[in-house]
Each structure stands twice: as structure tokens, then as C-alpha cells.
N, C-alpha and C. Protein backbone atom coordinates (compact mmCIF):
# COMPACT_ATOMS: atom_id res chain seq x y z
N MET A 1 -5.40 25.53 -57.37
CA MET A 1 -6.11 24.77 -56.37
C MET A 1 -6.30 25.58 -55.12
N GLU A 2 -7.54 25.80 -54.78
CA GLU A 2 -7.89 26.66 -53.63
C GLU A 2 -8.23 25.74 -52.46
N ILE A 3 -7.76 26.13 -51.24
CA ILE A 3 -8.08 25.45 -50.08
C ILE A 3 -8.81 26.39 -49.11
N SER A 4 -9.98 25.97 -48.75
CA SER A 4 -10.80 26.80 -47.83
C SER A 4 -10.36 26.57 -46.38
N VAL A 5 -10.83 27.41 -45.53
CA VAL A 5 -10.46 27.31 -44.12
C VAL A 5 -11.01 26.01 -43.49
N TRP A 6 -12.22 25.63 -43.79
CA TRP A 6 -12.74 24.45 -43.19
C TRP A 6 -12.04 23.21 -43.67
N GLN A 7 -11.55 23.19 -44.90
CA GLN A 7 -10.74 22.06 -45.41
C GLN A 7 -9.42 21.96 -44.65
N LEU A 8 -8.81 23.14 -44.43
CA LEU A 8 -7.58 23.17 -43.70
C LEU A 8 -7.81 22.68 -42.25
N GLY A 9 -8.93 23.05 -41.66
CA GLY A 9 -9.29 22.59 -40.31
C GLY A 9 -9.50 21.13 -40.27
N VAL A 10 -10.17 20.57 -41.29
CA VAL A 10 -10.37 19.11 -41.35
C VAL A 10 -9.03 18.40 -41.52
N LEU A 11 -8.15 18.94 -42.32
CA LEU A 11 -6.82 18.32 -42.52
C LEU A 11 -6.01 18.37 -41.20
N LEU A 12 -6.07 19.48 -40.49
CA LEU A 12 -5.36 19.53 -39.19
C LEU A 12 -5.97 18.57 -38.20
N MET A 13 -7.27 18.43 -38.24
CA MET A 13 -7.95 17.50 -37.30
C MET A 13 -7.54 16.06 -37.62
N ALA A 14 -7.47 15.75 -38.93
CA ALA A 14 -7.07 14.38 -39.35
C ALA A 14 -5.61 14.12 -38.91
N ILE A 15 -4.76 15.06 -39.07
CA ILE A 15 -3.36 14.90 -38.66
C ILE A 15 -3.29 14.69 -37.14
N GLY A 16 -4.01 15.47 -36.46
CA GLY A 16 -4.09 15.30 -34.93
C GLY A 16 -4.61 13.97 -34.57
N PHE A 17 -5.68 13.49 -35.27
CA PHE A 17 -6.24 12.17 -34.95
C PHE A 17 -5.23 11.06 -35.19
N VAL A 18 -4.44 11.15 -36.30
CA VAL A 18 -3.46 10.15 -36.56
C VAL A 18 -2.40 10.20 -35.47
N PHE A 19 -2.00 11.37 -35.07
CA PHE A 19 -0.96 11.53 -33.99
C PHE A 19 -1.49 10.90 -32.69
N VAL A 20 -2.73 11.16 -32.31
CA VAL A 20 -3.30 10.59 -31.15
C VAL A 20 -3.39 9.08 -31.23
N CYS A 21 -3.78 8.54 -32.36
CA CYS A 21 -3.89 7.12 -32.54
C CYS A 21 -2.50 6.42 -32.42
N ILE A 22 -1.45 7.09 -32.96
CA ILE A 22 -0.15 6.49 -32.85
C ILE A 22 0.37 6.49 -31.36
N ASN A 23 0.08 7.59 -30.67
CA ASN A 23 0.47 7.64 -29.26
C ASN A 23 -0.34 6.62 -28.44
N LEU A 24 -1.65 6.47 -28.78
CA LEU A 24 -2.49 5.52 -28.03
C LEU A 24 -2.00 4.09 -28.29
N GLY A 25 -1.61 3.82 -29.47
CA GLY A 25 -1.07 2.52 -29.83
C GLY A 25 0.24 2.22 -29.05
N ASN A 26 1.12 3.21 -28.91
CA ASN A 26 2.34 3.07 -28.19
C ASN A 26 2.03 2.84 -26.72
N ALA A 27 1.03 3.55 -26.17
CA ALA A 27 0.70 3.40 -24.77
C ALA A 27 0.14 2.04 -24.50
N ILE A 28 -0.70 1.48 -25.40
CA ILE A 28 -1.25 0.14 -25.23
C ILE A 28 -0.15 -0.88 -25.32
N LYS A 29 0.83 -0.68 -26.24
CA LYS A 29 1.95 -1.58 -26.40
C LYS A 29 2.81 -1.64 -25.11
N SER A 30 3.07 -0.49 -24.57
CA SER A 30 3.86 -0.45 -23.34
C SER A 30 3.13 -1.02 -22.12
N SER A 31 1.79 -0.77 -22.08
CA SER A 31 1.02 -1.35 -21.00
C SER A 31 0.94 -2.88 -21.14
N THR A 32 0.92 -3.37 -22.32
CA THR A 32 0.96 -4.82 -22.54
C THR A 32 2.27 -5.45 -22.00
N LYS A 33 3.38 -4.76 -22.28
CA LYS A 33 4.63 -5.25 -21.74
C LYS A 33 4.65 -5.24 -20.23
N ILE A 34 4.08 -4.18 -19.60
CA ILE A 34 4.06 -4.08 -18.18
C ILE A 34 3.18 -5.24 -17.59
N ILE A 35 2.03 -5.51 -18.19
CA ILE A 35 1.19 -6.54 -17.74
C ILE A 35 1.87 -7.92 -17.85
N LEU A 36 2.57 -8.18 -18.94
CA LEU A 36 3.32 -9.40 -19.10
C LEU A 36 4.40 -9.57 -18.01
N ASN A 37 5.08 -8.46 -17.72
CA ASN A 37 6.11 -8.55 -16.71
C ASN A 37 5.47 -8.80 -15.31
N LEU A 38 4.34 -8.17 -15.05
CA LEU A 38 3.64 -8.38 -13.79
C LEU A 38 3.18 -9.84 -13.67
N ASN A 39 2.72 -10.44 -14.75
CA ASN A 39 2.30 -11.82 -14.76
C ASN A 39 3.47 -12.73 -14.45
N LYS A 40 4.64 -12.43 -15.03
CA LYS A 40 5.83 -13.20 -14.80
C LYS A 40 6.26 -13.12 -13.31
N ILE A 41 6.23 -11.92 -12.78
CA ILE A 41 6.59 -11.74 -11.39
C ILE A 41 5.63 -12.47 -10.46
N ILE A 42 4.38 -12.42 -10.78
CA ILE A 42 3.34 -13.16 -9.98
C ILE A 42 3.54 -14.63 -10.00
N GLU A 43 3.83 -15.16 -11.21
CA GLU A 43 4.11 -16.62 -11.36
C GLU A 43 5.32 -17.03 -10.53
N GLN A 44 6.36 -16.17 -10.55
CA GLN A 44 7.57 -16.50 -9.81
C GLN A 44 7.32 -16.50 -8.30
N ASN A 45 6.50 -15.66 -7.84
CA ASN A 45 6.26 -15.48 -6.36
C ASN A 45 4.97 -16.08 -5.89
N GLU A 46 4.33 -16.97 -6.70
CA GLU A 46 3.08 -17.55 -6.38
C GLU A 46 3.17 -18.45 -5.14
N LYS A 47 4.24 -19.19 -5.01
CA LYS A 47 4.43 -20.09 -3.87
C LYS A 47 4.56 -19.28 -2.59
N LYS A 48 5.29 -18.19 -2.68
CA LYS A 48 5.48 -17.33 -1.50
C LYS A 48 4.18 -16.72 -1.06
N VAL A 49 3.37 -16.28 -2.00
CA VAL A 49 2.10 -15.65 -1.68
C VAL A 49 1.14 -16.68 -1.11
N ASP A 50 1.16 -17.89 -1.66
CA ASP A 50 0.36 -18.98 -1.11
C ASP A 50 0.69 -19.29 0.34
N SER A 51 2.04 -19.38 0.59
CA SER A 51 2.45 -19.67 2.00
C SER A 51 2.02 -18.55 2.95
N ILE A 52 2.10 -17.31 2.49
CA ILE A 52 1.68 -16.19 3.33
C ILE A 52 0.16 -16.28 3.60
N VAL A 53 -0.59 -16.62 2.59
CA VAL A 53 -2.03 -16.70 2.75
C VAL A 53 -2.40 -17.84 3.68
N THR A 54 -1.71 -19.01 3.55
CA THR A 54 -2.02 -20.09 4.37
C THR A 54 -1.63 -19.92 5.79
N ASN A 55 -0.58 -19.14 6.03
CA ASN A 55 -0.06 -18.89 7.36
C ASN A 55 -0.67 -17.63 7.99
N LEU A 56 -1.63 -17.03 7.34
CA LEU A 56 -2.22 -15.78 7.79
C LEU A 56 -2.88 -15.89 9.15
N ASP A 57 -3.53 -17.06 9.45
CA ASP A 57 -4.15 -17.29 10.73
C ASP A 57 -3.12 -17.26 11.85
N SER A 58 -2.03 -17.94 11.65
CA SER A 58 -0.97 -17.98 12.70
C SER A 58 -0.30 -16.63 12.85
N ILE A 59 -0.15 -15.91 11.77
CA ILE A 59 0.43 -14.54 11.85
C ILE A 59 -0.45 -13.63 12.63
N THR A 60 -1.75 -13.64 12.40
CA THR A 60 -2.63 -12.77 13.18
C THR A 60 -2.73 -13.21 14.57
N GLY A 61 -2.66 -14.51 14.81
CA GLY A 61 -2.66 -15.03 16.20
C GLY A 61 -1.41 -14.55 16.97
N ASP A 62 -0.24 -14.53 16.25
CA ASP A 62 0.97 -14.05 16.87
C ASP A 62 0.84 -12.57 17.20
N VAL A 63 0.28 -11.83 16.26
CA VAL A 63 0.10 -10.39 16.50
C VAL A 63 -0.80 -10.11 17.67
N GLU A 64 -1.87 -10.91 17.77
CA GLU A 64 -2.79 -10.74 18.93
C GLU A 64 -2.08 -11.07 20.23
N LYS A 65 -1.20 -12.04 20.24
CA LYS A 65 -0.45 -12.37 21.47
C LYS A 65 0.49 -11.25 21.82
N VAL A 66 1.18 -10.68 20.84
CA VAL A 66 2.08 -9.56 21.11
C VAL A 66 1.30 -8.37 21.66
N ILE A 67 0.16 -8.07 21.08
CA ILE A 67 -0.62 -6.95 21.54
C ILE A 67 -1.18 -7.15 22.97
N SER A 68 -1.61 -8.36 23.24
CA SER A 68 -2.11 -8.61 24.63
C SER A 68 -0.98 -8.57 25.57
N PHE A 69 0.23 -9.07 25.21
CA PHE A 69 1.42 -8.99 26.10
C PHE A 69 1.76 -7.53 26.35
N GLY A 70 1.69 -6.76 25.35
CA GLY A 70 2.02 -5.29 25.52
C GLY A 70 1.04 -4.61 26.44
N SER A 71 -0.27 -4.94 26.31
CA SER A 71 -1.23 -4.34 27.15
C SER A 71 -1.04 -4.83 28.60
N ASN A 72 -0.75 -6.09 28.78
CA ASN A 72 -0.43 -6.60 30.13
C ASN A 72 0.78 -5.91 30.75
N ILE A 73 1.81 -5.64 29.98
CA ILE A 73 2.97 -4.91 30.49
C ILE A 73 2.59 -3.49 30.84
N SER A 74 1.77 -2.83 29.98
CA SER A 74 1.42 -1.46 30.33
C SER A 74 0.50 -1.41 31.58
N GLY A 75 -0.36 -2.42 31.76
CA GLY A 75 -1.14 -2.45 32.99
C GLY A 75 -0.29 -2.66 34.24
N PHE A 76 0.73 -3.51 34.06
CA PHE A 76 1.66 -3.72 35.21
C PHE A 76 2.44 -2.50 35.51
N ILE A 77 2.88 -1.74 34.53
CA ILE A 77 3.57 -0.49 34.76
C ILE A 77 2.68 0.51 35.44
N GLU A 78 1.43 0.63 35.05
CA GLU A 78 0.48 1.52 35.67
C GLU A 78 0.29 1.14 37.16
N SER A 79 0.19 -0.14 37.45
CA SER A 79 0.01 -0.53 38.83
C SER A 79 1.26 -0.21 39.68
N VAL A 80 2.47 -0.41 39.06
CA VAL A 80 3.67 -0.06 39.75
C VAL A 80 3.76 1.42 40.05
N LYS A 81 3.31 2.25 39.09
CA LYS A 81 3.24 3.69 39.31
C LYS A 81 2.31 4.04 40.44
N PHE A 82 1.15 3.37 40.47
CA PHE A 82 0.17 3.64 41.50
C PHE A 82 0.75 3.31 42.92
N VAL A 83 1.33 2.12 42.99
CA VAL A 83 1.93 1.67 44.24
C VAL A 83 3.08 2.64 44.65
N ASN A 84 3.83 3.03 43.68
CA ASN A 84 4.93 3.95 43.95
C ASN A 84 4.45 5.28 44.52
N LYS A 85 3.36 5.79 43.97
CA LYS A 85 2.79 7.03 44.44
C LYS A 85 2.32 6.93 45.91
N ILE A 86 1.69 5.78 46.20
CA ILE A 86 1.18 5.58 47.55
C ILE A 86 2.38 5.47 48.54
N PHE A 87 3.41 4.70 48.11
CA PHE A 87 4.56 4.52 48.97
C PHE A 87 5.28 5.84 49.24
N PHE A 88 5.44 6.65 48.21
CA PHE A 88 6.18 7.94 48.40
C PHE A 88 5.34 8.87 49.21
N LYS A 89 4.03 8.84 49.11
CA LYS A 89 3.20 9.72 49.95
C LYS A 89 3.34 9.34 51.41
N LYS A 90 3.37 8.04 51.71
CA LYS A 90 3.56 7.63 53.11
C LYS A 90 4.88 8.05 53.67
N ASN A 91 5.95 7.93 52.82
CA ASN A 91 7.33 8.31 53.28
C ASN A 91 7.43 9.85 53.49
N LYS A 92 6.77 10.59 52.72
CA LYS A 92 6.79 12.06 52.84
C LYS A 92 6.07 12.48 54.14
N LYS A 93 5.00 11.78 54.43
CA LYS A 93 4.27 12.10 55.69
C LYS A 93 5.08 11.76 56.97
N GLU A 94 5.89 10.68 56.88
CA GLU A 94 6.67 10.25 57.99
C GLU A 94 7.82 11.21 58.24
N CYS A 95 8.38 11.80 57.21
CA CYS A 95 9.55 12.73 57.36
C CYS A 95 9.18 14.03 57.86
């Protein structure tokens, strides 16, 4: 029985194809397990996600209040610095 080079090549390609198919099947099987676990986690945390989504307006409102408060404080600090500069310049001229 003689085997030519092209037949050996086809045989090696078929073996490689089977190997790739087996690995692809294992990858699909593991991804299915991952998706099932994700679905279970999502179902367990669905109430928490819903409460976060429903409270999103109040959360953003609170963040806006904090930001405006911070900008007011920084404006106050800048005005204190300005007054402080003016006051110290007057004291230096008097001395």
C-alpha cells in the first residue's frame, strides 16, 4: 500500500480539523457554563439593580449638590485669599 504526499497532507489536515472541532466544542461548552452562571448572578441581583436604576435621579441630584457645594467652597476660599492679599499689602505699607 503506497501513500502519496498529498494523501498524507489530507490525512494531517483531517486530524487537525478534528482537533480544532474538539477544542471548539470545549470552548462552546465552557462559554455556556459561564453564561448560565452570569444569568444566575443577574437574577440574584435583579432587585438591587432595579433599585439603583430607580434611584438614579436622586443619586445624580446628590452628586450635583456636592459638586456645587465644592465649587462654592472653592469660590469662598479664593475670595478669602484675595482679601488676605489686600489686607497684608496694607499692613506692609503701614510698617
